[in-house]
Amino acid sequence: ASSSKAASVRTLYLRVLGMTRETTSADNTSFTPQEEEAFRLLARRPDIYNILTRSIAPSISGSYTIDIKKALTCLLFSGSR
């Protein structure tokens, strides 16, 4: 009897549901319209997940760090799938 294993398929995605700004009386942070547009353009990129993953501790490298950085990206942005 031959046995076959089904291959699992996983699709990674990152969905931002909203953004809130936490301010204090000493916090006068504001974004220029150009910066806001840059955020929008970045959010529309299909490779945003990889960009964010590579941005975490870029000086720490190695094949073992890829999954760790992907997990951190999901945790930072409340992603689970």
PDB file of N, CA and C in Angstrom:
ATOM      1  N   ALA A   1       0.856  -1.180   0.000  1.00  0.00           N
ATOM      2  CA  ALA A   1       0.000   0.000   0.000  1.00  0.00           C
ATOM      3  C   ALA A   1       0.889   1.225   0.000  1.00  0.00           C
ATOM      4  N   SER A   2       0.542   2.164  -0.833  1.00  0.00           N
ATOM      5  CA  SER A   2       1.329   3.394  -0.897  1.00  0.00           C
ATOM      6  C   SER A   2       0.631   4.474  -0.088  1.00  0.00           C
ATOM      7  N   SER A   3       1.421   5.268   0.579  1.00  0.00           N
ATOM      8  CA  SER A   3       0.845   6.361   1.361  1.00  0.00           C
ATOM      9  C   SER A   3       1.306   7.682   0.769  1.00  0.00           C
ATOM     10  N   SER A   4       0.426   8.617   0.761  1.00  0.00           N
ATOM     11  CA  SER A   4       0.786   9.938   0.251  1.00  0.00           C
ATOM     12  C   SER A   4       0.466  10.976   1.314  1.00  0.00           C
ATOM     13  N   LYS A   5       1.308  11.953   1.389  1.00  0.00           N
ATOM     14  CA  LYS A   5       1.108  13.035   2.351  1.00  0.00           C
ATOM     15  C   LYS A   5       0.569  14.248   1.600  1.00  0.00           C
ATOM     16  N   ALA A   6      -0.426  14.863   2.156  1.00  0.00           N
ATOM     17  CA  ALA A   6      -0.974  16.081   1.560  1.00  0.00           C
ATOM     18  C   ALA A   6      -0.063  17.252   1.918  1.00  0.00           C
ATOM     19  N   ALA A   7       0.215  18.050   0.938  1.00  0.00           N
ATOM     20  CA  ALA A   7       1.051  19.229   1.173  1.00  0.00           C
ATOM     21  C   ALA A   7       0.182  20.336   1.747  1.00  0.00           C
ATOM     22  N   SER A   8       0.682  20.998   2.762  1.00  0.00           N
ATOM     23  CA  SER A   8      -0.076  22.109   3.323  1.00  0.00           C
ATOM     24  C   SER A   8       0.296  23.388   2.582  1.00  0.00           C
ATOM     25  N   VAL A   9      -0.689  24.196   2.370  1.00  0.00           N
ATOM     26  CA  VAL A   9      -0.492  25.470   1.686  1.00  0.00           C
ATOM     27  C   VAL A   9      -0.813  26.574   2.675  1.00  0.00           C
ATOM     28  N   ARG A  10       0.095  27.485   2.802  1.00  0.00           N
ATOM     29  CA  ARG A  10      -0.112  28.603   3.709  1.00  0.00           C
ATOM     30  C   ARG A  10       0.026  29.896   2.938  1.00  0.00           C
ATOM     31  N   THR A  11      -0.865  30.788   3.192  1.00  0.00           N
ATOM     32  CA  THR A  11      -0.805  32.103   2.589  1.00  0.00           C
ATOM     33  C   THR A  11      -0.622  33.118   3.703  1.00  0.00           C
ATOM     34  N   LEU A  12       0.421  33.897   3.605  1.00  0.00           N
ATOM     35  CA  LEU A  12       0.694  34.908   4.603  1.00  0.00           C
ATOM     36  C   LEU A  12       0.006  36.205   4.216  1.00  0.00           C
ATOM     37  N   TYR A  13      -0.569  36.875   5.191  1.00  0.00           N
ATOM     38  CA  TYR A  13      -1.133  38.177   4.927  1.00  0.00           C
ATOM     39  C   TYR A  13      -1.044  39.031   6.177  1.00  0.00           C
ATOM     40  N   LEU A  14      -1.085  40.308   5.962  1.00  0.00           N
ATOM     41  CA  LEU A  14      -1.029  41.264   7.050  1.00  0.00           C
ATOM     42  C   LEU A  14      -2.126  42.281   6.793  1.00  0.00           C
ATOM     43  N   ARG A  15      -3.050  42.414   7.719  1.00  0.00           N
ATOM     44  CA  ARG A  15      -4.167  43.328   7.537  1.00  0.00           C
ATOM     45  C   ARG A  15      -4.172  44.303   8.699  1.00  0.00           C
ATOM     46  N   VAL A  16      -4.156  45.576   8.394  1.00  0.00           N
ATOM     47  CA  VAL A  16      -4.218  46.605   9.420  1.00  0.00           C
ATOM     48  C   VAL A  16      -5.665  47.049   9.523  1.00  0.00           C
ATOM     49  N   LEU A  17      -6.226  46.905  10.701  1.00  0.00           N
ATOM     50  CA  LEU A  17      -7.628  47.251  10.909  1.00  0.00           C
ATOM     51  C   LEU A  17      -7.819  48.713  11.279  1.00  0.00           C
ATOM     52  N   GLY A  18      -6.805  49.313  11.772  1.00  0.00           N
ATOM     53  CA  GLY A  18      -6.916  50.714  12.157  1.00  0.00           C
ATOM     54  C   GLY A  18      -5.672  51.167  12.863  1.00  0.00           C
ATOM     55  N   MET A  19      -5.596  52.459  13.072  1.00  0.00           N
ATOM     56  CA  MET A  19      -4.441  53.012  13.749  1.00  0.00           C
ATOM     57  C   MET A  19      -4.940  54.098  14.685  1.00  0.00           C
ATOM     58  N   THR A  20      -4.496  54.040  15.896  1.00  0.00           N
ATOM     59  CA  THR A  20      -4.852  55.082  16.849  1.00  0.00           C
ATOM     60  C   THR A  20      -3.579  55.731  17.349  1.00  0.00           C
ATOM     61  N   ARG A  21      -3.685  56.967  17.656  1.00  0.00           N
ATOM     62  CA  ARG A  21      -2.539  57.709  18.156  1.00  0.00           C
ATOM     63  C   ARG A  21      -2.732  57.925  19.646  1.00  0.00           C
ATOM     64  N   GLU A  22      -1.757  57.492  20.401  1.00  0.00           N
ATOM     65  CA  GLU A  22      -1.769  57.731  21.835  1.00  0.00           C
ATOM     66  C   GLU A  22      -0.958  58.984  22.088  1.00  0.00           C
ATOM     67  N   THR A  23      -1.595  59.971  22.660  1.00  0.00           N
ATOM     68  CA  THR A  23      -0.899  61.228  22.871  1.00  0.00           C
ATOM     69  C   THR A  23      -0.869  61.572  24.347  1.00  0.00           C
ATOM     70  N   THR A  24       0.132  62.314  24.677  1.00  0.00           N
ATOM     71  CA  THR A  24       0.227  62.895  26.012  1.00  0.00           C
ATOM     72  C   THR A  24       0.323  64.395  25.827  1.00  0.00           C
ATOM     73  N   SER A  25       0.267  65.111  26.890  1.00  0.00           N
ATOM     74  CA  SER A  25       0.317  66.568  26.777  1.00  0.00           C
ATOM     75  C   SER A  25       1.651  67.041  26.202  1.00  0.00           C
ATOM     76  N   ALA A  26       2.720  66.257  26.372  1.00  0.00           N
ATOM     77  CA  ALA A  26       4.037  66.649  25.870  1.00  0.00           C
ATOM     78  C   ALA A  26       4.304  66.116  24.471  1.00  0.00           C
ATOM     79  N   ASP A  27       3.354  65.347  23.923  1.00  0.00           N
ATOM     80  CA  ASP A  27       3.562  64.724  22.614  1.00  0.00           C
ATOM     81  C   ASP A  27       2.925  65.564  21.518  1.00  0.00           C
ATOM     82  N   ASN A  28       3.743  66.159  20.693  1.00  0.00           N
ATOM     83  CA  ASN A  28       3.245  66.991  19.596  1.00  0.00           C
ATOM     84  C   ASN A  28       3.571  66.368  18.247  1.00  0.00           C
ATOM     85  N   THR A  29       3.567  65.046  18.179  1.00  0.00           N
ATOM     86  CA  THR A  29       3.923  64.349  16.954  1.00  0.00           C
ATOM     87  C   THR A  29       2.839  64.548  15.912  1.00  0.00           C
ATOM     88  N   SER A  30       3.260  64.887  14.730  1.00  0.00           N
ATOM     89  CA  SER A  30       2.317  64.986  13.620  1.00  0.00           C
ATOM     90  C   SER A  30       3.037  64.563  12.354  1.00  0.00           C
ATOM     91  N   PHE A  31       2.270  64.078  11.403  1.00  0.00           N
ATOM     92  CA  PHE A  31       2.838  63.633  10.141  1.00  0.00           C
ATOM     93  C   PHE A  31       2.485  64.636   9.055  1.00  0.00           C
ATOM     94  N   THR A  32       3.424  64.873   8.192  1.00  0.00           N
ATOM     95  CA  THR A  32       3.157  65.750   7.055  1.00  0.00           C
ATOM     96  C   THR A  32       2.296  64.985   6.051  1.00  0.00           C
ATOM     97  N   PRO A  33       1.614  65.690   5.167  1.00  0.00           N
ATOM     98  CA  PRO A  33       0.841  64.998   4.126  1.00  0.00           C
ATOM     99  C   PRO A  33       1.710  64.065   3.281  1.00  0.00           C
ATOM    100  N   GLN A  34       2.955  64.426   3.059  1.00  0.00           N
ATOM    101  CA  GLN A  34       3.866  63.576   2.292  1.00  0.00           C
ATOM    102  C   GLN A  34       4.169  62.281   3.041  1.00  0.00           C
ATOM    103  N   GLU A  35       4.373  62.387   4.357  1.00  0.00           N
ATOM    104  CA  GLU A  35       4.628  61.194   5.161  1.00  0.00           C
ATOM    105  C   GLU A  35       3.401  60.286   5.195  1.00  0.00           C
ATOM    106  N   GLU A  36       2.213  60.883   5.320  1.00  0.00           N
ATOM    107  CA  GLU A  36       0.987  60.093   5.321  1.00  0.00           C
ATOM    108  C   GLU A  36       0.816  59.358   3.991  1.00  0.00           C
ATOM    109  N   GLU A  37       1.122  60.020   2.898  1.00  0.00           N
ATOM    110  CA  GLU A  37       1.026  59.373   1.586  1.00  0.00           C
ATOM    111  C   GLU A  37       2.058  58.254   1.458  1.00  0.00           C
ATOM    112  N   ALA A  38       3.244  58.462   2.017  1.00  0.00           N
ATOM    113  CA  ALA A  38       4.268  57.414   1.991  1.00  0.00           C
ATOM    114  C   ALA A  38       3.799  56.193   2.768  1.00  0.00           C
ATOM    115  N   PHE A  39       3.126  56.392   3.905  1.00  0.00           N
ATOM    116  CA  PHE A  39       2.551  55.280   4.673  1.00  0.00           C
ATOM    117  C   PHE A  39       1.503  54.541   3.852  1.00  0.00           C
ATOM    118  N   ARG A  40       0.650  55.304   3.165  1.00  0.00           N
ATOM    119  CA  ARG A  40      -0.399  54.680   2.344  1.00  0.00           C
ATOM    120  C   ARG A  40       0.206  53.842   1.220  1.00  0.00           C
ATOM    121  N   LEU A  41       1.217  54.389   0.570  1.00  0.00           N
ATOM    122  CA  LEU A  41       1.870  53.651  -0.524  1.00  0.00           C
ATOM    123  C   LEU A  41       2.540  52.384  -0.003  1.00  0.00           C
ATOM    124  N   LEU A  42       3.176  52.488   1.141  1.00  0.00           N
ATOM    125  CA  LEU A  42       3.824  51.319   1.742  1.00  0.00           C
ATOM    126  C   LEU A  42       2.786  50.258   2.104  1.00  0.00           C
ATOM    127  N   ALA A  43       1.656  50.687   2.633  1.00  0.00           N
ATOM    128  CA  ALA A  43       0.603  49.747   3.043  1.00  0.00           C
ATOM    129  C   ALA A  43       0.021  48.995   1.853  1.00  0.00           C
ATOM    130  N   ARG A  44       0.055  49.592   0.676  1.00  0.00           N
ATOM    131  CA  ARG A  44      -0.503  48.959  -0.525  1.00  0.00           C
ATOM    132  C   ARG A  44       0.448  47.984  -1.202  1.00  0.00           C
ATOM    133  N   ARG A  45       1.682  47.969  -0.785  1.00  0.00           N
ATOM    134  CA  ARG A  45       2.661  47.087  -1.428  1.00  0.00           C
ATOM    135  C   ARG A  45       2.386  45.629  -1.098  1.00  0.00           C
ATOM    136  N   PRO A  46       2.448  44.760  -2.093  1.00  0.00           N
ATOM    137  CA  PRO A  46       2.189  43.339  -1.825  1.00  0.00           C
ATOM    138  C   PRO A  46       3.283  42.678  -0.983  1.00  0.00           C
ATOM    139  N   ASP A  47       4.472  43.263  -0.940  1.00  0.00           N
ATOM    140  CA  ASP A  47       5.575  42.685  -0.186  1.00  0.00           C
ATOM    141  C   ASP A  47       5.797  43.370   1.163  1.00  0.00           C
ATOM    142  N   ILE A  48       4.761  44.006   1.700  1.00  0.00           N
ATOM    143  CA  ILE A  48       4.897  44.735   2.962  1.00  0.00           C
ATOM    144  C   ILE A  48       5.327  43.813   4.103  1.00  0.00           C
ATOM    145  N   TYR A  49       4.818  42.598   4.106  1.00  0.00           N
ATOM    146  CA  TYR A  49       5.179  41.644   5.160  1.00  0.00           C
ATOM    147  C   TYR A  49       6.683  41.383   5.153  1.00  0.00           C
ATOM    148  N   ASN A  50       7.261  41.170   3.983  1.00  0.00           N
ATOM    149  CA  ASN A  50       8.704  40.937   3.877  1.00  0.00           C
ATOM    150  C   ASN A  50       9.504  42.182   4.231  1.00  0.00           C
ATOM    151  N   ILE A  51       9.007  43.342   3.845  1.00  0.00           N
ATOM    152  CA  ILE A  51       9.698  44.592   4.170  1.00  0.00           C
ATOM    153  C   ILE A  51       9.765  44.768   5.684  1.00  0.00           C
ATOM    154  N   LEU A  52       8.625  44.575   6.347  1.00  0.00           N
ATOM    155  CA  LEU A  52       8.607  44.724   7.804  1.00  0.00           C
ATOM    156  C   LEU A  52       9.464  43.668   8.487  1.00  0.00           C
ATOM    157  N   THR A  53       9.420  42.442   7.978  1.00  0.00           N
ATOM    158  CA  THR A  53      10.218  41.363   8.557  1.00  0.00           C
ATOM    159  C   THR A  53      11.709  41.666   8.447  1.00  0.00           C
ATOM    160  N   ARG A  54      12.146  42.136   7.272  1.00  0.00           N
ATOM    161  CA  ARG A  54      13.566  42.464   7.086  1.00  0.00           C
ATOM    162  C   ARG A  54      13.984  43.680   7.894  1.00  0.00           C
ATOM    163  N   SER A  55      13.029  44.522   8.292  1.00  0.00           N
ATOM    164  CA  SER A  55      13.347  45.737   9.041  1.00  0.00           C
ATOM    165  C   SER A  55      13.617  45.466  10.515  1.00  0.00           C
ATOM    166  N   ILE A  56      13.240  44.295  10.991  1.00  0.00           N
ATOM    167  CA  ILE A  56      13.468  43.968  12.396  1.00  0.00           C
ATOM    168  C   ILE A  56      14.905  43.489  12.574  1.00  0.00           C
ATOM    169  N   ALA A  57      15.660  44.200  13.369  1.00  0.00           N
ATOM    170  CA  ALA A  57      17.058  43.867  13.686  1.00  0.00           C
ATOM    171  C   ALA A  57      17.844  43.432  12.456  1.00  0.00           C
ATOM    172  N   PRO A  58      18.020  44.331  11.490  1.00  0.00           N
ATOM    173  CA  PRO A  58      18.718  43.945  10.261  1.00  0.00           C
ATOM    174  C   PRO A  58      20.172  43.525  10.481  1.00  0.00           C
ATOM    175  N   SER A  59      20.765  43.921  11.586  1.00  0.00           N
ATOM    176  CA  SER A  59      22.155  43.532  11.843  1.00  0.00           C
ATOM    177  C   SER A  59      22.262  42.093  12.351  1.00  0.00           C
ATOM    178  N   ILE A  60      21.145  41.515  12.754  1.00  0.00           N
ATOM    179  CA  ILE A  60      21.134  40.113  13.190  1.00  0.00           C
ATOM    180  C   ILE A  60      20.646  39.287  12.019  1.00  0.00           C
ATOM    181  N   SER A  61      21.511  38.425  11.517  1.00  0.00           N
ATOM    182  CA  SER A  61      21.139  37.666  10.330  1.00  0.00           C
ATOM    183  C   SER A  61      21.437  36.189  10.532  1.00  0.00           C
ATOM    184  N   GLY A  62      20.978  35.413   9.602  1.00  0.00           N
ATOM    185  CA  GLY A  62      21.159  33.973   9.649  1.00  0.00           C
ATOM    186  C   GLY A  62      19.854  33.293   9.298  1.00  0.00           C
ATOM    187  N   SER A  63      19.937  32.098   8.764  1.00  0.00           N
ATOM    188  CA  SER A  63      18.729  31.412   8.320  1.00  0.00           C
ATOM    189  C   SER A  63      17.784  31.116   9.484  1.00  0.00           C
ATOM    190  N   TYR A  64      18.323  30.944  10.685  1.00  0.00           N
ATOM    191  CA  TYR A  64      17.475  30.647  11.836  1.00  0.00           C
ATOM    192  C   TYR A  64      16.664  31.850  12.298  1.00  0.00           C
ATOM    193  N   THR A  65      17.023  33.057  11.879  1.00  0.00           N
ATOM    194  CA  THR A  65      16.328  34.260  12.353  1.00  0.00           C
ATOM    195  C   THR A  65      15.094  34.602  11.528  1.00  0.00           C
ATOM    196  N   ILE A  66      14.948  34.026  10.358  1.00  0.00           N
ATOM    197  CA  ILE A  66      13.846  34.399   9.471  1.00  0.00           C
ATOM    198  C   ILE A  66      12.494  34.148  10.124  1.00  0.00           C
ATOM    199  N   ASP A  67      12.291  32.940  10.635  1.00  0.00           N
ATOM    200  CA  ASP A  67      11.007  32.620  11.258  1.00  0.00           C
ATOM    201  C   ASP A  67      10.779  33.435  12.527  1.00  0.00           C
ATOM    202  N   ILE A  68      11.834  33.711  13.252  1.00  0.00           N
ATOM    203  CA  ILE A  68      11.710  34.515  14.477  1.00  0.00           C
ATOM    204  C   ILE A  68      11.257  35.928  14.122  1.00  0.00           C
ATOM    205  N   LYS A  69      11.864  36.500  13.097  1.00  0.00           N
ATOM    206  CA  LYS A  69      11.498  37.854  12.687  1.00  0.00           C
ATOM    207  C   LYS A  69      10.081  37.894  12.115  1.00  0.00           C
ATOM    208  N   LYS A  70       9.664  36.847  11.416  1.00  0.00           N
ATOM    209  CA  LYS A  70       8.292  36.790  10.910  1.00  0.00           C
ATOM    210  C   LYS A  70       7.309  36.731  12.069  1.00  0.00           C
ATOM    211  N   ALA A  71       7.628  35.952  13.084  1.00  0.00           N
ATOM    212  CA  ALA A  71       6.758  35.850  14.261  1.00  0.00           C
ATOM    213  C   ALA A  71       6.679  37.198  14.984  1.00  0.00           C
ATOM    214  N   LEU A  72       7.801  37.873  15.119  1.00  0.00           N
ATOM    215  CA  LEU A  72       7.807  39.186  15.765  1.00  0.00           C
ATOM    216  C   LEU A  72       6.978  40.193  14.976  1.00  0.00           C
ATOM    217  N   THR A  73       7.066  40.133  13.656  1.00  0.00           N
ATOM    218  CA  THR A  73       6.270  41.028  12.825  1.00  0.00           C
ATOM    219  C   THR A  73       4.788  40.804  13.082  1.00  0.00           C
ATOM    220  N   CYS A  74       4.370  39.553  13.111  1.00  0.00           N
ATOM    221  CA  CYS A  74       2.962  39.251  13.392  1.00  0.00           C
ATOM    222  C   CYS A  74       2.553  39.721  14.781  1.00  0.00           C
ATOM    223  N   LEU A  75       3.413  39.520  15.761  1.00  0.00           N
ATOM    224  CA  LEU A  75       3.097  39.949  17.117  1.00  0.00           C
ATOM    225  C   LEU A  75       2.995  41.470  17.223  1.00  0.00           C
ATOM    226  N   LEU A  76       3.906  42.167  16.565  1.00  0.00           N
ATOM    227  CA  LEU A  76       3.893  43.632  16.630  1.00  0.00           C
ATOM    228  C   LEU A  76       2.649  44.216  15.988  1.00  0.00           C
ATOM    229  N   PHE A  77       2.143  43.559  14.959  1.00  0.00           N
ATOM    230  CA  PHE A  77       0.983  44.076  14.237  1.00  0.00           C
ATOM    231  C   PHE A  77      -0.273  43.253  14.510  1.00  0.00           C
ATOM    232  N   SER A  78      -0.267  42.494  15.595  1.00  0.00           N
ATOM    233  CA  SER A  78      -1.417  41.703  16.032  1.00  0.00           C
ATOM    234  C   SER A  78      -1.908  40.732  14.969  1.00  0.00           C
ATOM    235  N   GLY A  79      -1.014  40.209  14.176  1.00  0.00           N
ATOM    236  CA  GLY A  79      -1.382  39.212  13.181  1.00  0.00           C
ATOM    237  C   GLY A  79      -1.222  37.826  13.752  1.00  0.00           C
ATOM    238  N   SER A  80      -2.041  36.915  13.291  1.00  0.00           N
ATOM    239  CA  SER A  80      -1.922  35.548  13.783  1.00  0.00           C
ATOM    240  C   SER A  80      -1.906  34.529  12.661  1.00  0.00           C
ATOM    241  N   ARG A  81      -2.210  34.946  11.424  1.00  0.00           N
ATOM    242  CA  ARG A  81      -2.222  33.977  10.334  1.00  0.00           C
ATOM    243  C   ARG A  81      -1.263  34.415   9.262  1.00  0.00           C
TER     244      ARG A  81
END
